[in-house]
Amino acid sequence: MAYVIQSVFTGAFLAPDPDDGQPRWVMLLKDACAIPDAETAAEMIADHVDAFHQAQVVDLSEL
């Protein structure tokens, strides 16, 4: 499965940078590298997302 993290507030996606793996916000889904598992997505939210974003995990297989 593949997941992305989306900010409900801004619509941006938090994804690991393909070059160095550090999380970054991108505006386009095509620029967001998918996260392979829900546990990693939850860890990224806990470590890198401020509460105002109201982050949600999106399962790409459900789109």
C-alpha atoms as a PDB file:
ATOM      1  CA  MET A   1       0.000   0.000   0.000  1.00  0.00           C
ATOM      2  CA  ALA A   2       0.973   3.610  -0.405  1.00  0.00           C
ATOM      3  CA  TYR A   3      -0.020   6.618   1.677  1.00  0.00           C
ATOM      4  CA  VAL A   4       0.373  10.381   1.657  1.00  0.00           C
ATOM      5  CA  ILE A   5      -0.153  12.875   4.460  1.00  0.00           C
ATOM      6  CA  GLN A   6      -2.304  15.866   3.600  1.00  0.00           C
ATOM      7  CA  SER A   7      -2.868  19.064   5.533  1.00  0.00           C
ATOM      8  CA  VAL A   8      -6.580  19.776   5.805  1.00  0.00           C
ATOM      9  CA  PHE A   9      -5.702  23.436   6.469  1.00  0.00           C
ATOM     10  CA  THR A  10      -3.460  24.094   3.437  1.00  0.00           C
ATOM     11  CA  GLY A  11      -4.082  21.114   1.160  1.00  0.00           C
ATOM     12  CA  ALA A  12      -0.317  20.504   0.952  1.00  0.00           C
ATOM     13  CA  PHE A  13       1.229  17.056   1.217  1.00  0.00           C
ATOM     14  CA  LEU A  14       3.999  16.084   3.643  1.00  0.00           C
ATOM     15  CA  ALA A  15       6.319  13.643   1.957  1.00  0.00           C
ATOM     16  CA  PRO A  16       9.898  12.442   2.239  1.00  0.00           C
ATOM     17  CA  ASP A  17      12.231  14.260  -0.106  1.00  0.00           C
ATOM     18  CA  PRO A  18      13.398  11.770  -2.754  1.00  0.00           C
ATOM     19  CA  ASP A  19      16.996  13.000  -2.431  1.00  0.00           C
ATOM     20  CA  ASP A  20      17.596  13.045   1.322  1.00  0.00           C
ATOM     21  CA  GLY A  21      14.455  11.503   2.864  1.00  0.00           C
ATOM     22  CA  GLN A  22      13.686  14.549   5.027  1.00  0.00           C
ATOM     23  CA  PRO A  23       9.983  15.463   5.229  1.00  0.00           C
ATOM     24  CA  ARG A  24       8.883  18.506   3.248  1.00  0.00           C
ATOM     25  CA  TRP A  25       5.578  20.095   2.285  1.00  0.00           C
ATOM     26  CA  VAL A  26       4.658  20.057  -1.414  1.00  0.00           C
ATOM     27  CA  MET A  27       1.526  21.422  -3.048  1.00  0.00           C
ATOM     28  CA  LEU A  28       1.077  18.875  -5.840  1.00  0.00           C
ATOM     29  CA  LEU A  29       0.239  15.226  -5.310  1.00  0.00           C
ATOM     30  CA  LYS A  30       2.543  14.316  -8.198  1.00  0.00           C
ATOM     31  CA  ASP A  31       5.453  15.807  -6.217  1.00  0.00           C
ATOM     32  CA  ALA A  32       4.658  13.839  -3.057  1.00  0.00           C
ATOM     33  CA  CYS A  33       6.608  10.622  -2.650  1.00  0.00           C
ATOM     34  CA  ALA A  34       4.344   7.933  -1.259  1.00  0.00           C
ATOM     35  CA  ILE A  35       4.909   6.528   2.223  1.00  0.00           C
ATOM     36  CA  PRO A  36       4.928   2.707   2.216  1.00  0.00           C
ATOM     37  CA  ASP A  37       3.077   2.037   5.484  1.00  0.00           C
ATOM     38  CA  ALA A  38       0.612   3.660   7.871  1.00  0.00           C
ATOM     39  CA  GLU A  39       2.977   3.406  10.858  1.00  0.00           C
ATOM     40  CA  THR A  40       5.602   5.535   9.109  1.00  0.00           C
ATOM     41  CA  ALA A  41       2.911   8.060   8.187  1.00  0.00           C
ATOM     42  CA  ALA A  42       1.791   8.270  11.817  1.00  0.00           C
ATOM     43  CA  GLU A  43       5.392   8.783  12.964  1.00  0.00           C
ATOM     44  CA  MET A  44       5.897  11.564  10.405  1.00  0.00           C
ATOM     45  CA  ILE A  45       2.757  13.312  11.642  1.00  0.00           C
ATOM     46  CA  ALA A  46       3.858  13.033  15.284  1.00  0.00           C
ATOM     47  CA  ASP A  47       7.372  14.285  14.527  1.00  0.00           C
ATOM     48  CA  HIS A  48       6.831  16.948  11.844  1.00  0.00           C
ATOM     49  CA  VAL A  49       3.257  18.270  11.745  1.00  0.00           C
ATOM     50  CA  ASP A  50       1.843  21.151  13.776  1.00  0.00           C
ATOM     51  CA  ALA A  51      -1.709  20.669  15.054  1.00  0.00           C
ATOM     52  CA  PHE A  52      -3.163  23.493  12.911  1.00  0.00           C
ATOM     53  CA  HIS A  53      -2.585  21.393   9.783  1.00  0.00           C
ATOM     54  CA  GLN A  54      -5.131  18.797  10.957  1.00  0.00           C
ATOM     55  CA  ALA A  55      -3.149  16.184   9.047  1.00  0.00           C
ATOM     56  CA  GLN A  56      -4.903  13.239   7.483  1.00  0.00           C
ATOM     57  CA  VAL A  57      -3.415  10.060   6.057  1.00  0.00           C
ATOM     58  CA  VAL A  58      -4.699   9.255   2.574  1.00  0.00           C
ATOM     59  CA  ASP A  59      -4.556   5.675   1.304  1.00  0.00           C
ATOM     60  CA  LEU A  60      -3.756   6.047  -2.389  1.00  0.00           C
ATOM     61  CA  SER A  61      -5.288   2.674  -3.214  1.00  0.00           C
ATOM     62  CA  GLU A  62      -8.671   4.076  -2.128  1.00  0.00           C
ATOM     63  CA  LEU A  63      -8.638   6.936  -4.647  1.00  0.00           C
END
